[in-house]
Amino acid sequence: MNRRVLLVVVLNVLAILGLAVAFPEPMLAPGPLQPGHAALAADCLACHAPFAGPDRAACEACHTVNDIGVRLVSGAPAPKRPDPDAALTEARFHQALGDAPCAACHTEHGAAAVPRFEHALLDVDQRDDCAACHVAPDTALHSRVQSFDGGCRTCHNTADWENARFDHAQLSPADQRDCVACHAAPTDALHQGLGAASADCAGCHEIQGWRPASFEHGRYFQITGAHRASCETCHPGATAGTVNLERYTCYGCHEHSAAGVRAEHVEEGIRDFADCVRCHRSGEEHEGREGGGDGEGRGRDDD
């Protein structure tokens, strides 16, 4: 680098430093201060230590930690809030932060001063004491939980509250079987076909995981006698573990052709015969006639 270029660089650096000293806010500040600190706009050292950034000691010169949420900087009581415990909660919270820098959460320049909070700033004991800052949830699920060995952290994490992991073993045995108290009842054709039995989720499902489920076929249709066949005989396209239990056909075996079934049912005055197992749960040919049903003409026996 020749002397001319070096001289230009030095002069530019000196010019920038001079402007920073003469006009610190427009040269150095990342944005205007929030209204509460606007009077300090020309006095950077009121909050910043030279070459070190925001200084916690400078903050505490005005904001005493024990008074945060309780008293204003002027010493006057803080305005009352709808929640009478809010002020006490805020005071306890700040007292538990230890030596964490104020700037870790609070930004006074630029956009609105919305605190950015990380639970990692709290000590371990304080992190587990969620109720010290948060109102206990009042939900049907939380009221049924029997034990909180690890507090809220048994299911939740501080990084993402919604991404919870829940162990049904925390519920009482009775509540473990009362699935519809927390979960919507299934409305698919299979569960509707099971009738009252569909409310007993534990008959097929485990609390450790909704899927896979063990299905007792006999509760829906008896596989006996000639009906002891492979899944794909009645559920075309089925493979092990992928049977669509809502889709089945009785056509293709013996006299079970679409035309034959239609003719036989129409002769008996039965016009709705698409769902065979609704009337023939055991697979017996005359079960529908003997057991009755809700189709027009069902239950008649004119033979």
Protein backbone atom coordinates (compact mmCIF):
# COMPACT_ATOMS: atom_id res chain seq x y z
CA MET A 1 0.00 0.00 0.00
CA ASN A 2 1.54 3.31 -1.04
CA ARG A 3 1.61 6.35 1.18
CA ARG A 4 -1.17 8.17 -0.67
CA VAL A 5 -3.65 5.27 -0.14
CA LEU A 6 -2.59 4.87 3.49
CA LEU A 7 -3.13 8.59 4.11
CA VAL A 8 -6.65 8.40 2.63
CA VAL A 9 -7.54 5.42 4.89
CA VAL A 10 -6.22 7.17 8.02
CA LEU A 11 -8.12 10.36 7.22
CA ASN A 12 -11.37 8.42 6.69
CA VAL A 13 -10.97 6.59 10.01
CA LEU A 14 -10.30 9.85 11.82
CA ALA A 15 -13.33 11.46 10.16
CA ILE A 16 -15.59 8.60 11.25
CA LEU A 17 -14.28 8.75 14.82
CA GLY A 18 -14.77 12.51 14.90
CA LEU A 19 -18.35 12.21 13.68
CA ALA A 20 -19.05 9.44 16.21
CA VAL A 21 -17.88 11.71 19.05
CA ALA A 22 -19.71 14.79 17.76
CA PHE A 23 -22.94 13.00 16.74
CA PRO A 24 -23.03 9.69 18.67
CA GLU A 25 -26.73 8.85 18.16
CA PRO A 26 -26.98 9.07 14.34
CA MET A 27 -23.54 7.51 13.90
CA LEU A 28 -23.67 4.68 16.44
CA ALA A 29 -27.19 4.13 17.77
CA PRO A 30 -29.14 1.27 16.12
CA GLY A 31 -32.34 3.31 16.35
CA PRO A 32 -34.28 5.75 18.53
CA LEU A 33 -34.73 4.91 22.18
CA GLN A 34 -38.06 3.82 23.60
CA PRO A 35 -40.17 6.66 25.11
CA GLY A 36 -39.20 5.79 28.68
CA HIS A 37 -35.52 6.37 27.91
CA ALA A 38 -35.85 9.07 25.24
CA ALA A 39 -34.32 11.68 27.56
CA LEU A 40 -31.04 9.72 27.53
CA ALA A 41 -30.67 9.80 23.75
CA ALA A 42 -27.66 12.12 23.87
CA ASP A 43 -26.02 10.41 26.86
CA CYS A 44 -24.87 6.98 25.67
CA LEU A 45 -22.69 6.44 28.73
CA ALA A 46 -25.78 6.57 30.94
CA CYS A 47 -26.46 2.98 29.90
CA HIS A 48 -23.37 1.79 28.01
CA ALA A 49 -19.92 1.08 29.37
CA PRO A 50 -17.16 2.30 26.99
CA PHE A 51 -16.25 -0.45 24.50
CA ALA A 52 -18.36 -2.96 26.52
CA GLY A 53 -21.98 -2.34 25.52
CA PRO A 54 -25.01 -2.13 27.85
CA ASP A 55 -24.06 -2.12 31.52
CA ARG A 56 -26.32 -3.92 34.04
CA ALA A 57 -24.99 -1.76 36.86
CA ALA A 58 -26.17 1.32 34.95
CA CYS A 59 -29.64 -0.21 34.59
CA GLU A 60 -29.82 -1.00 38.31
CA ALA A 61 -28.89 2.58 39.15
CA CYS A 62 -32.46 3.42 38.13
CA HIS A 63 -34.24 0.06 38.15
CA THR A 64 -33.72 -1.71 41.49
CA VAL A 65 -34.30 -5.41 40.89
CA ASN A 66 -36.43 -5.88 44.01
CA ASP A 67 -38.69 -2.99 42.93
CA ILE A 68 -39.37 -4.17 39.38
CA GLY A 69 -43.10 -4.66 39.04
CA VAL A 70 -43.68 -3.12 42.48
CA ARG A 71 -42.49 0.50 42.22
CA LEU A 72 -41.72 2.90 39.41
CA VAL A 73 -38.32 4.53 38.98
CA SER A 74 -39.75 7.58 40.71
CA GLY A 75 -40.53 5.49 43.77
CA ALA A 76 -44.29 5.67 43.27
CA PRO A 77 -46.23 2.37 43.43
CA ALA A 78 -46.59 0.59 40.09
CA PRO A 79 -50.07 0.84 38.52
CA LYS A 80 -52.47 -1.87 39.64
CA ARG A 81 -53.08 -4.70 37.21
CA PRO A 82 -56.14 -6.88 36.60
CA ASP A 83 -54.17 -9.82 38.02
CA PRO A 84 -53.30 -8.93 41.64
CA ASP A 85 -50.44 -11.45 41.63
CA ALA A 86 -48.79 -10.04 38.49
CA ALA A 87 -46.59 -7.51 40.31
CA LEU A 88 -45.36 -10.08 42.83
CA THR A 89 -44.72 -12.60 40.07
CA GLU A 90 -42.71 -10.08 38.04
CA ALA A 91 -40.62 -9.13 41.09
CA ARG A 92 -39.86 -12.75 41.98
CA PHE A 93 -39.02 -13.53 38.39
CA HIS A 94 -36.42 -10.78 38.07
CA GLN A 95 -34.92 -11.65 41.45
CA ALA A 96 -34.36 -15.20 40.23
CA LEU A 97 -32.36 -14.14 37.18
CA GLY A 98 -29.14 -13.74 39.15
CA ASP A 99 -26.43 -11.95 37.18
CA ALA A 100 -28.10 -12.23 33.77
CA PRO A 101 -27.57 -9.01 31.75
CA CYS A 102 -30.70 -6.89 31.24
CA ALA A 103 -29.95 -6.68 27.51
CA ALA A 104 -30.42 -10.45 27.25
CA CYS A 105 -34.17 -9.79 27.27
CA HIS A 106 -34.71 -6.04 26.82
CA THR A 107 -33.94 -4.01 23.70
CA GLU A 108 -34.27 -0.24 24.05
CA HIS A 109 -33.36 0.85 20.52
CA GLY A 110 -35.43 0.54 17.38
CA ALA A 111 -38.62 -1.52 17.40
CA ALA A 112 -41.00 -1.77 20.32
CA ALA A 113 -39.29 -2.95 23.49
CA VAL A 114 -40.86 -6.41 23.66
CA PRO A 115 -38.74 -8.53 26.01
CA ARG A 116 -37.02 -11.55 24.49
CA PHE A 117 -36.84 -14.19 27.19
CA GLU A 118 -34.92 -17.46 27.38
CA HIS A 119 -35.65 -19.89 30.22
CA ALA A 120 -31.96 -20.81 30.11
CA LEU A 121 -31.31 -17.56 32.00
CA LEU A 122 -33.00 -19.06 35.07
CA ASP A 123 -31.24 -21.40 37.44
CA VAL A 124 -32.28 -25.07 37.33
CA ASP A 125 -34.58 -24.92 40.36
CA GLN A 126 -36.39 -21.87 39.02
CA ARG A 127 -36.87 -23.49 35.61
CA ASP A 128 -38.78 -26.35 37.23
CA ASP A 129 -40.99 -24.01 39.28
CA CYS A 130 -43.31 -23.07 36.42
CA ALA A 131 -46.17 -22.09 38.73
CA ALA A 132 -44.03 -19.27 40.16
CA CYS A 133 -44.60 -17.34 36.91
CA HIS A 134 -47.36 -19.17 35.03
CA VAL A 135 -50.96 -19.82 36.01
CA ALA A 136 -51.65 -23.55 36.34
CA PRO A 137 -53.64 -24.82 33.31
CA ASP A 138 -57.32 -25.44 33.97
CA THR A 139 -58.18 -28.12 31.42
CA ALA A 140 -59.94 -31.47 31.58
CA LEU A 141 -56.69 -33.27 30.82
CA HIS A 142 -54.58 -31.52 33.44
CA SER A 143 -57.27 -32.06 36.08
CA ARG A 144 -57.06 -35.82 35.45
CA VAL A 145 -53.29 -36.17 35.68
CA GLN A 146 -52.44 -38.06 38.85
CA SER A 147 -48.77 -37.25 39.31
CA PHE A 148 -46.26 -34.60 38.28
CA ASP A 149 -42.95 -36.17 39.27
CA GLY A 150 -41.09 -33.68 37.11
CA GLY A 151 -43.57 -30.81 37.23
CA CYS A 152 -44.65 -29.34 33.91
CA ARG A 153 -41.39 -30.58 32.42
CA THR A 154 -42.76 -34.13 32.66
CA CYS A 155 -44.58 -33.36 29.40
CA HIS A 156 -43.45 -29.91 28.26
CA ASN A 157 -40.14 -28.29 27.44
CA THR A 158 -39.28 -24.62 27.81
CA ALA A 159 -38.30 -24.22 24.16
CA ASP A 160 -41.66 -25.27 22.69
CA TRP A 161 -44.64 -25.52 25.04
CA GLU A 162 -47.03 -26.94 22.43
CA ASN A 163 -44.71 -29.78 21.47
CA ALA A 164 -45.56 -31.87 24.54
CA ARG A 165 -45.03 -35.56 25.15
CA PHE A 166 -47.72 -37.15 27.29
CA ASP A 167 -47.65 -40.50 29.06
CA HIS A 168 -51.16 -41.89 29.59
CA ALA A 169 -49.76 -43.85 32.53
CA GLN A 170 -50.10 -40.63 34.53
CA LEU A 171 -53.88 -41.06 34.39
CA SER A 172 -55.89 -43.27 36.72
CA PRO A 173 -56.91 -46.70 35.30
CA ALA A 174 -60.50 -45.47 34.88
CA ASP A 175 -59.40 -42.32 33.03
CA GLN A 176 -57.10 -44.35 30.80
CA ARG A 177 -60.21 -46.08 29.42
CA ASP A 178 -62.31 -42.89 29.18
CA CYS A 179 -60.71 -41.81 25.92
CA VAL A 180 -63.57 -39.61 24.71
CA ALA A 181 -63.10 -37.35 27.74
CA CYS A 182 -60.08 -35.88 25.89
CA HIS A 183 -60.31 -37.26 22.34
CA ALA A 184 -63.12 -36.84 19.82
CA ALA A 185 -65.01 -40.06 19.19
CA PRO A 186 -64.19 -41.59 15.77
CA THR A 187 -66.88 -41.14 13.14
CA ASP A 188 -65.66 -43.44 10.36
CA ALA A 189 -67.83 -46.27 9.02
CA LEU A 190 -65.93 -49.00 10.86
CA HIS A 191 -66.31 -47.46 14.31
CA GLN A 192 -69.92 -46.52 13.64
CA GLY A 193 -70.59 -50.12 12.67
CA LEU A 194 -69.24 -51.33 15.99
CA GLY A 195 -72.01 -49.44 17.78
CA ALA A 196 -71.59 -49.14 21.55
CA ALA A 197 -68.42 -51.22 21.39
CA SER A 198 -66.67 -48.36 19.60
CA ALA A 199 -66.59 -46.43 22.90
CA ASP A 200 -64.28 -49.08 24.34
CA CYS A 201 -61.12 -47.90 22.60
CA ALA A 202 -58.98 -50.22 24.74
CA GLY A 203 -60.61 -53.16 22.99
CA CYS A 204 -58.36 -52.49 19.99
CA HIS A 205 -55.97 -49.67 20.90
CA GLU A 206 -53.17 -49.24 23.42
CA ILE A 207 -52.48 -46.04 25.36
CA GLN A 208 -48.82 -46.27 24.31
CA GLY A 209 -49.83 -45.62 20.71
CA TRP A 210 -53.08 -45.33 18.78
CA ARG A 211 -51.46 -47.22 15.92
CA PRO A 212 -50.99 -50.06 15.32
CA ALA A 213 -54.26 -51.43 16.71
CA SER A 214 -55.36 -54.99 17.37
CA PHE A 215 -58.76 -55.60 15.83
CA GLU A 216 -61.01 -58.41 17.05
CA HIS A 217 -62.75 -59.25 13.82
CA GLY A 218 -65.48 -61.22 15.57
CA ARG A 219 -66.84 -58.04 17.12
CA TYR A 220 -67.66 -56.85 13.61
CA PHE A 221 -68.12 -60.06 11.62
CA GLN A 222 -67.66 -63.67 12.68
CA ILE A 223 -65.01 -65.50 10.66
CA THR A 224 -66.28 -69.04 11.02
CA GLY A 225 -66.95 -72.01 8.80
CA ALA A 226 -66.67 -71.20 5.11
CA HIS A 227 -65.67 -67.64 5.98
CA ARG A 228 -62.27 -68.69 7.27
CA ALA A 229 -60.48 -67.10 4.35
CA SER A 230 -57.56 -64.79 3.69
CA CYS A 231 -58.04 -61.05 4.15
CA GLU A 232 -57.88 -60.28 0.44
CA THR A 233 -60.86 -62.61 -0.23
CA CYS A 234 -63.22 -60.04 1.32
CA HIS A 235 -60.91 -57.00 1.27
CA PRO A 236 -59.53 -56.80 -2.30
CA GLY A 237 -56.02 -55.38 -2.46
CA ALA A 238 -55.38 -56.03 1.23
CA THR A 239 -51.94 -56.94 2.47
CA ALA A 240 -50.77 -57.77 5.96
CA GLY A 241 -51.06 -54.70 8.15
CA THR A 242 -52.76 -52.54 5.48
CA VAL A 243 -56.34 -53.85 5.41
CA ASN A 244 -58.95 -51.15 4.90
CA LEU A 245 -61.57 -52.48 7.29
CA GLU A 246 -64.22 -50.10 6.00
CA ARG A 247 -64.11 -51.57 2.50
CA TYR A 248 -65.20 -55.14 1.91
CA THR A 249 -67.23 -57.23 -0.53
CA CYS A 250 -69.20 -60.43 -0.20
CA TYR A 251 -69.52 -60.86 -3.96
CA GLY A 252 -67.40 -63.47 -5.71
CA CYS A 253 -68.05 -66.48 -3.46
CA HIS A 254 -70.73 -69.15 -3.95
CA GLU A 255 -73.96 -67.51 -5.12
CA HIS A 256 -72.76 -64.07 -3.95
CA SER A 257 -72.94 -62.22 -7.24
CA ALA A 258 -74.31 -58.69 -7.42
CA ALA A 259 -77.28 -59.79 -9.51
CA GLY A 260 -77.99 -62.84 -7.36
CA VAL A 261 -77.86 -60.92 -4.07
CA ARG A 262 -80.05 -58.17 -5.48
CA ALA A 263 -82.67 -60.60 -6.73
CA GLU A 264 -82.86 -62.48 -3.45
CA HIS A 265 -83.13 -59.34 -1.31
CA VAL A 266 -85.66 -57.57 -3.55
CA GLU A 267 -87.80 -60.69 -3.39
CA GLU A 268 -87.89 -60.24 0.39
CA GLY A 269 -88.69 -56.52 0.08
CA ILE A 270 -85.16 -55.48 1.13
CA ARG A 271 -83.82 -52.69 -1.04
CA ASP A 272 -80.84 -51.52 1.05
CA PHE A 273 -78.30 -54.36 0.99
CA ALA A 274 -74.97 -52.60 0.35
CA ASP A 275 -73.64 -53.21 3.89
CA CYS A 276 -73.96 -56.97 4.30
CA VAL A 277 -72.53 -57.25 7.82
CA ARG A 278 -75.10 -54.81 9.16
CA CYS A 279 -77.57 -57.71 9.09
CA HIS A 280 -75.34 -60.77 8.71
CA ARG A 281 -72.76 -60.31 11.46
CA SER A 282 -72.26 -64.03 11.95
CA GLY A 283 -72.22 -64.78 8.23
CA GLU A 284 -75.35 -66.92 8.47
CA GLU A 285 -77.56 -66.66 5.41
CA HIS A 286 -80.87 -66.18 7.28
CA GLU A 287 -79.54 -64.06 10.13
CA GLY A 288 -81.06 -60.88 8.72
CA ARG A 289 -84.52 -62.39 8.50
CA GLU A 290 -84.44 -63.81 12.00
CA GLY A 291 -82.71 -60.91 13.73
CA GLY A 292 -84.68 -58.07 12.19
CA GLY A 293 -83.12 -54.76 11.17
CA ASP A 294 -83.76 -51.27 9.97
CA GLY A 295 -84.10 -51.82 6.21
CA GLU A 296 -87.46 -51.75 4.51
CA GLY A 297 -88.93 -55.25 4.57
CA ARG A 298 -86.14 -56.57 6.82
CA GLY A 299 -87.35 -59.24 9.19
CA ARG A 300 -89.94 -60.61 6.80
CA ASP A 301 -90.00 -64.31 6.07
CA ASP A 302 -92.53 -65.17 3.43
CA ASP A 303 -91.06 -68.60 2.62
